[in-house]
Protein backbone atom coordinates (compact mmCIF):
# COMPACT_ATOMS: atom_id res chain seq x y z
CA UNK A 1 95.03 128.25 105.83
CA UNK A 2 93.95 130.38 108.76
CA UNK A 3 96.03 132.86 110.75
CA UNK A 4 97.48 130.29 113.11
CA UNK A 5 99.72 129.27 110.24
CA UNK A 6 101.83 132.36 110.94
CA UNK A 7 103.77 130.62 113.74
CA UNK A 8 101.85 132.36 116.51
CA UNK A 9 101.59 129.95 119.42
CA UNK A 10 98.94 130.02 122.15
CA UNK A 11 99.94 131.09 125.65
CA UNK A 12 99.90 127.50 126.87
CA UNK A 13 102.74 126.50 124.56
CA UNK A 14 105.71 127.80 126.61
CA UNK A 15 104.46 125.90 129.66
CA UNK A 16 104.06 122.70 127.62
CA UNK A 17 107.54 123.17 126.17
CA UNK A 18 109.14 123.62 129.61
CA UNK A 19 107.32 120.63 131.04
CA UNK A 20 108.32 118.33 128.15
CA UNK A 21 111.92 119.54 128.27
CA UNK A 22 112.10 118.92 132.01
CA UNK A 23 110.82 115.40 131.49
CA UNK A 24 113.28 114.77 128.63
CA UNK A 25 110.47 113.66 126.30
CA UNK A 26 110.77 114.23 122.54
CA UNK A 27 108.60 117.06 121.28
CA UNK A 28 105.46 115.75 119.51
CA UNK A 29 105.33 117.06 115.93
CA UNK A 30 102.78 116.25 113.23
CA UNK A 31 103.66 116.56 109.53
CA UNK A 32 100.95 116.61 106.88
CA UNK A 33 102.67 114.20 104.47
CA UNK A 34 105.71 111.95 104.20
CA UNK A 35 108.21 114.32 102.55
CA UNK A 36 107.67 116.94 105.25
CA UNK A 37 107.90 114.27 107.94
CA UNK A 38 111.33 113.26 106.66
CA UNK A 39 112.52 116.88 106.67
CA UNK A 40 111.33 117.33 110.25
CA UNK A 41 113.16 114.15 111.32
CA UNK A 42 116.35 115.27 109.57
CA UNK A 43 116.33 118.61 111.38
CA UNK A 44 114.80 117.48 114.68
CA UNK A 45 116.75 114.30 115.30
CA UNK A 46 116.08 112.64 118.64
CA UNK A 47 114.49 115.78 120.07
CA UNK A 48 111.28 115.20 118.09
CA UNK A 49 108.68 112.44 117.79
CA UNK A 50 107.14 112.83 114.34
CA UNK A 51 103.66 111.63 113.39
CA UNK A 52 102.86 111.76 109.66
CA UNK A 53 99.26 112.05 108.48
CA UNK A 54 99.44 111.07 104.77
CA UNK A 55 102.21 108.51 105.05
CA UNK A 56 104.45 106.69 102.53
CA UNK A 57 102.78 105.91 99.18
CA UNK A 58 99.65 107.80 100.31
CA UNK A 59 97.87 110.34 98.12
CA UNK A 60 97.82 113.55 100.16
CA UNK A 61 95.46 115.18 97.62
CA UNK A 62 92.62 112.84 98.62
CA UNK A 63 93.63 112.02 102.21
CA UNK A 64 90.82 111.40 104.70
CA UNK A 65 91.84 112.01 108.34
CA UNK A 66 90.93 109.41 110.95
CA UNK A 67 90.04 109.95 114.64
CA UNK A 68 93.58 108.97 115.64
CA UNK A 69 94.91 111.74 113.39
CA UNK A 70 92.72 114.31 115.15
CA UNK A 71 94.08 113.16 118.51
CA UNK A 72 97.69 113.45 117.25
CA UNK A 73 97.06 116.95 115.89
CA UNK A 74 95.39 118.04 119.15
CA UNK A 75 98.38 116.93 121.24
CA UNK A 76 101.15 118.13 118.90
CA UNK A 77 103.31 121.07 119.93
CA UNK A 78 103.98 121.76 116.24
CA UNK A 79 102.10 120.89 113.04
CA UNK A 80 104.04 121.29 109.79
CA UNK A 81 102.01 121.81 106.60
CA UNK A 82 103.02 122.36 103.00
CA UNK A 83 100.49 125.08 102.23
CA UNK A 84 99.74 126.36 98.70
CA UNK A 85 96.44 124.48 98.75
CA UNK A 86 98.10 121.06 98.93
CA UNK A 87 96.16 119.91 102.02
CA UNK A 88 92.56 121.13 101.55
CA UNK A 89 91.50 118.87 104.43
CA UNK A 90 93.96 120.24 106.99
CA UNK A 91 92.14 123.40 108.07
CA UNK A 92 89.05 121.34 108.89
CA UNK A 93 91.16 118.85 110.83
CA UNK A 94 92.84 121.61 112.85
CA UNK A 95 89.47 123.13 113.78
CA UNK A 96 87.76 119.86 114.64
CA UNK A 97 90.74 118.59 116.65
CA UNK A 98 91.00 121.72 118.78
CA UNK A 99 94.69 122.01 117.91
CA UNK A 100 96.58 123.91 120.62
CA UNK A 101 100.16 124.20 119.36
CA UNK A 102 101.88 126.06 116.54
CA UNK A 103 101.28 125.51 112.84
CA UNK A 104 104.16 126.16 110.45
CA UNK A 105 103.80 126.40 106.67
CA UNK A 106 106.94 124.98 105.07
CA UNK A 107 106.39 126.82 101.79
CA UNK A 108 106.12 130.25 103.48
CA UNK A 109 108.02 132.85 101.47
CA UNK A 110 108.21 130.76 98.30
CA UNK A 111 106.68 132.37 95.23
CA UNK A 112 104.21 129.77 93.93
CA UNK A 113 104.26 128.60 90.36
CA UNK A 114 101.01 129.51 88.60
CA UNK A 115 99.00 126.80 86.87
CA UNK A 116 97.74 127.44 83.36
CA UNK A 117 94.48 125.58 83.95
CA UNK A 118 91.58 125.97 86.35
CA UNK A 119 89.54 123.28 88.06
CA UNK A 120 92.60 121.20 88.94
CA UNK A 121 91.81 120.73 92.61
CA UNK A 122 94.14 123.36 94.09
CA UNK A 123 93.25 126.86 95.22
CA UNK A 124 93.91 130.00 93.18
CA UNK A 125 95.74 128.23 90.34
CA UNK A 126 98.83 127.52 92.45
CA UNK A 127 101.12 124.55 91.98
CA UNK A 128 101.74 123.20 95.50
CA UNK A 129 104.64 120.82 94.66
CA UNK A 130 107.40 123.33 95.47
CA UNK A 131 109.66 120.69 97.08
CA UNK A 132 110.42 119.32 93.59
CA UNK A 133 113.00 122.13 93.27
CA UNK A 134 115.79 121.35 95.74
CA UNK A 135 116.42 125.04 96.36
CA UNK A 136 112.81 125.33 97.51
CA UNK A 137 113.40 122.21 99.61
CA UNK A 138 116.27 124.04 101.28
CA UNK A 139 113.90 126.91 102.06
CA UNK A 140 111.49 124.38 103.59
CA UNK A 141 114.31 123.19 105.85
CA UNK A 142 115.06 126.71 107.05
CA UNK A 143 111.39 127.30 107.86
CA UNK A 144 111.13 123.97 109.69
CA UNK A 145 114.29 124.65 111.70
CA UNK A 146 112.97 128.05 112.79
CA UNK A 147 109.61 126.55 113.77
CA UNK A 148 111.24 123.78 115.80
CA UNK A 149 113.49 126.29 117.57
CA UNK A 150 110.50 128.52 118.39
CA UNK A 151 108.55 125.57 119.81
CA UNK A 152 111.54 124.14 121.68
CA UNK A 153 114.02 126.96 122.47
CA UNK A 154 116.25 124.62 124.47
CA UNK A 155 117.02 122.70 121.29
CA UNK A 156 117.53 125.72 119.05
CA UNK A 157 121.27 125.26 118.62
CA UNK A 158 120.87 121.56 117.82
CA UNK A 159 118.19 122.33 115.23
CA UNK A 160 120.38 124.99 113.60
CA UNK A 161 123.35 122.64 113.45
CA UNK A 162 121.39 119.78 111.93
CA UNK A 163 119.66 122.13 109.47
CA UNK A 164 123.02 123.51 108.34
CA UNK A 165 124.38 120.02 107.67
CA UNK A 166 121.17 119.00 105.89
CA UNK A 167 121.23 122.15 103.76
CA UNK A 168 124.80 121.37 102.64
CA UNK A 169 123.72 117.88 101.52
CA UNK A 170 120.76 119.28 99.60
CA UNK A 171 122.95 121.90 97.91
CA UNK A 172 125.37 119.17 96.80
CA UNK A 173 122.45 117.04 95.60
CA UNK A 174 121.13 119.99 93.58
CA UNK A 175 124.51 120.23 91.81
CA UNK A 176 124.44 116.49 91.06
CA UNK A 177 120.92 116.71 89.60
CA UNK A 178 121.97 119.58 87.31
CA UNK A 179 125.02 117.67 86.10
CA UNK A 180 122.95 114.57 85.39
CA UNK A 181 120.29 116.48 83.43
CA UNK A 182 122.99 118.33 81.49
CA UNK A 183 124.20 114.97 80.15
CA UNK A 184 120.93 114.63 78.20
CA UNK A 185 120.63 116.54 74.88
CA UNK A 186 118.21 119.42 75.38
CA UNK A 187 115.85 118.17 72.66
CA UNK A 188 115.48 114.86 74.53
CA UNK A 189 114.47 116.36 77.87
CA UNK A 190 110.78 115.47 77.62
CA UNK A 191 108.90 113.22 80.03
CA UNK A 192 105.30 112.03 80.44
CA UNK A 193 104.08 111.31 83.99
CA UNK A 194 100.76 110.36 85.59
CA UNK A 195 99.94 113.85 86.94
CA UNK A 196 101.60 117.24 86.81
CA UNK A 197 103.66 117.17 90.00
CA UNK A 198 107.01 118.10 88.43
CA UNK A 199 106.45 121.71 87.36
CA UNK A 200 109.05 123.10 89.79
CA UNK A 201 111.51 120.37 88.79
CA UNK A 202 110.92 121.31 85.14
CA UNK A 203 111.53 125.01 85.77
CA UNK A 204 114.62 124.42 87.92
CA UNK A 205 116.35 121.74 85.84
CA UNK A 206 115.19 122.31 82.27
CA UNK A 207 113.00 119.26 81.66
CA UNK A 208 109.59 119.38 79.96
CA UNK A 209 106.91 117.31 81.73
CA UNK A 210 103.56 116.35 80.20
CA UNK A 211 100.74 114.81 82.24
CA UNK A 212 97.31 113.49 81.23
CA UNK A 213 95.79 114.14 84.68
CA UNK A 214 96.91 117.73 85.27
CA UNK A 215 98.10 118.73 88.73
CA UNK A 216 95.60 116.77 90.80
CA UNK A 217 95.40 113.00 91.07
CA UNK A 218 91.65 113.36 91.56
CA UNK A 219 91.05 114.65 88.01
CA UNK A 220 90.42 112.41 85.03
CA UNK A 221 91.78 113.29 81.58
CA UNK A 222 89.41 113.51 78.63
CA UNK A 223 89.74 111.32 75.55
CA UNK A 224 90.89 114.40 73.64
CA UNK A 225 93.70 115.06 76.15
CA UNK A 226 94.88 111.48 75.91
CA UNK A 227 94.71 111.63 72.13
CA UNK A 228 96.83 114.78 72.00
CA UNK A 229 99.48 113.15 74.21
CA UNK A 230 99.53 110.01 72.06
CA UNK A 231 100.16 112.14 68.95
CA UNK A 232 102.85 114.10 70.76
CA UNK A 233 104.65 110.95 71.92
CA UNK A 234 104.71 109.62 68.36
CA UNK A 235 105.65 112.89 66.67
CA UNK A 236 108.47 113.83 69.05
CA UNK A 237 109.76 110.33 69.77
CA UNK A 238 109.36 110.72 73.54
CA UNK A 239 110.64 107.57 75.28
CA UNK A 240 110.43 108.68 78.94
CA UNK A 241 107.02 107.56 80.24
CA UNK A 242 106.58 107.09 83.99
CA UNK A 243 104.04 105.94 86.54
CA UNK A 244 103.94 107.51 90.00
CA UNK A 245 103.79 105.64 93.27
CA UNK A 246 100.47 107.09 94.44
CA UNK A 247 98.62 107.68 91.15
CA UNK A 248 96.17 105.43 89.32
CA UNK A 249 98.23 103.70 86.58
CA UNK A 250 95.31 102.95 84.24
CA UNK A 251 95.45 106.16 82.19
CA UNK A 252 99.20 106.04 81.67
CA UNK A 253 99.15 102.36 80.71
CA UNK A 254 96.44 103.13 78.16
CA UNK A 255 98.53 106.01 76.82
CA UNK A 256 101.61 103.81 76.54
CA UNK A 257 99.70 101.08 74.71
CA UNK A 258 98.20 103.51 72.19
CA UNK A 259 101.54 105.22 71.55
CA UNK A 260 103.51 101.98 71.43
CA UNK A 261 105.85 103.14 74.20
CA UNK A 262 107.09 101.12 77.19
CA UNK A 263 106.56 102.56 80.68
CA UNK A 264 110.04 103.39 81.99
CA UNK A 265 109.42 102.89 85.71
CA UNK A 266 107.92 104.51 88.78
CA UNK A 267 108.72 107.99 90.03
CA UNK A 268 108.06 109.42 93.49
CA UNK A 269 106.47 112.86 93.47
CA UNK A 270 103.97 113.54 96.28
CA UNK A 271 104.92 110.75 98.68
CA UNK A 272 107.99 108.79 99.71
CA UNK A 273 108.24 105.02 99.59
CA UNK A 274 108.20 102.88 102.69
CA UNK A 275 111.51 102.26 104.53
CA UNK A 276 112.34 99.27 102.33
CA UNK A 277 111.56 101.07 99.06
CA UNK A 278 113.77 103.08 96.69
CA UNK A 279 112.74 106.50 98.04
CA UNK A 280 112.50 106.31 101.84
CA UNK A 281 113.65 109.91 102.31
CA UNK A 282 113.74 113.20 100.40
CA UNK A 283 117.34 112.85 99.22
CA UNK A 284 116.84 109.25 98.11
CA UNK A 285 113.71 110.31 96.22
CA UNK A 286 115.70 112.72 94.05
CA UNK A 287 118.47 110.21 93.41
CA UNK A 288 115.95 107.53 92.47
CA UNK A 289 113.92 109.80 90.18
CA UNK A 290 116.90 111.29 88.36
CA UNK A 291 118.49 107.86 88.09
CA UNK A 292 115.42 106.73 86.12
CA UNK A 293 114.74 109.95 84.21
CA UNK A 294 118.16 110.42 82.62
CA UNK A 295 118.52 107.08 80.83
CA UNK A 296 114.84 107.12 79.79
CA UNK A 297 115.18 110.57 78.24
CA UNK A 298 118.30 109.49 76.39
CA UNK A 299 116.23 106.66 74.93
């Protein structure tokens, strides 16, 4: 990401902020994908009008911006990105749209988890899915609150208040997740998913995740990789096998058939569900995922 991701706003931004505040209009904010959009809405409340680029059930790895997205980015006072190489298309979109506002990187300050493999579709071997650790999610919220307050100083106190309440809920949710995982014998805490989006969850909560596709949904596993996973499933008696809402299910279904294991359900990793689905927001996503993971790991 280029230097504008350091929260340095152009000179025109204060004037735009004062004009919008005087008119009582919500501040236009663009979020790169659905999980960030939910965080911005939780902190911004009625003071913001959020446009999401890669929306519910959309694969942000392979997202292709449309002309309407460029227009939204151009007119936004704030663009919120994940960073860590998650949105390889975003820099090009910012340049082509002539984006005039501030760009905030939600993962700023988080030490990225290194990937063991190369050629996985993300820059410099970094795992971009930091939000899968709720304590990193809380750091995202602090960064978002600071960015909103900088772009809209008149709402700074409201943003701080909402961020504090949101942080308390996420801290409580983190405690619940740990208690739920602790109810599973350590030897049973093994899960197979479509692609490797749960590395931070694994490190934070003590669960081993295996994935045939690696970290990117755009990669295809080799026959040897699938074969190794089939042997592992059989040898270790792994019963937790999950699809993801925005990944191609073909590989995992093949893996399940060869190992004689039933797919346990659908997890949400890189994208939320729609409003009527089981994971319409970040908190619901964790409750849904853990609610499926725990009984599946127990077998």
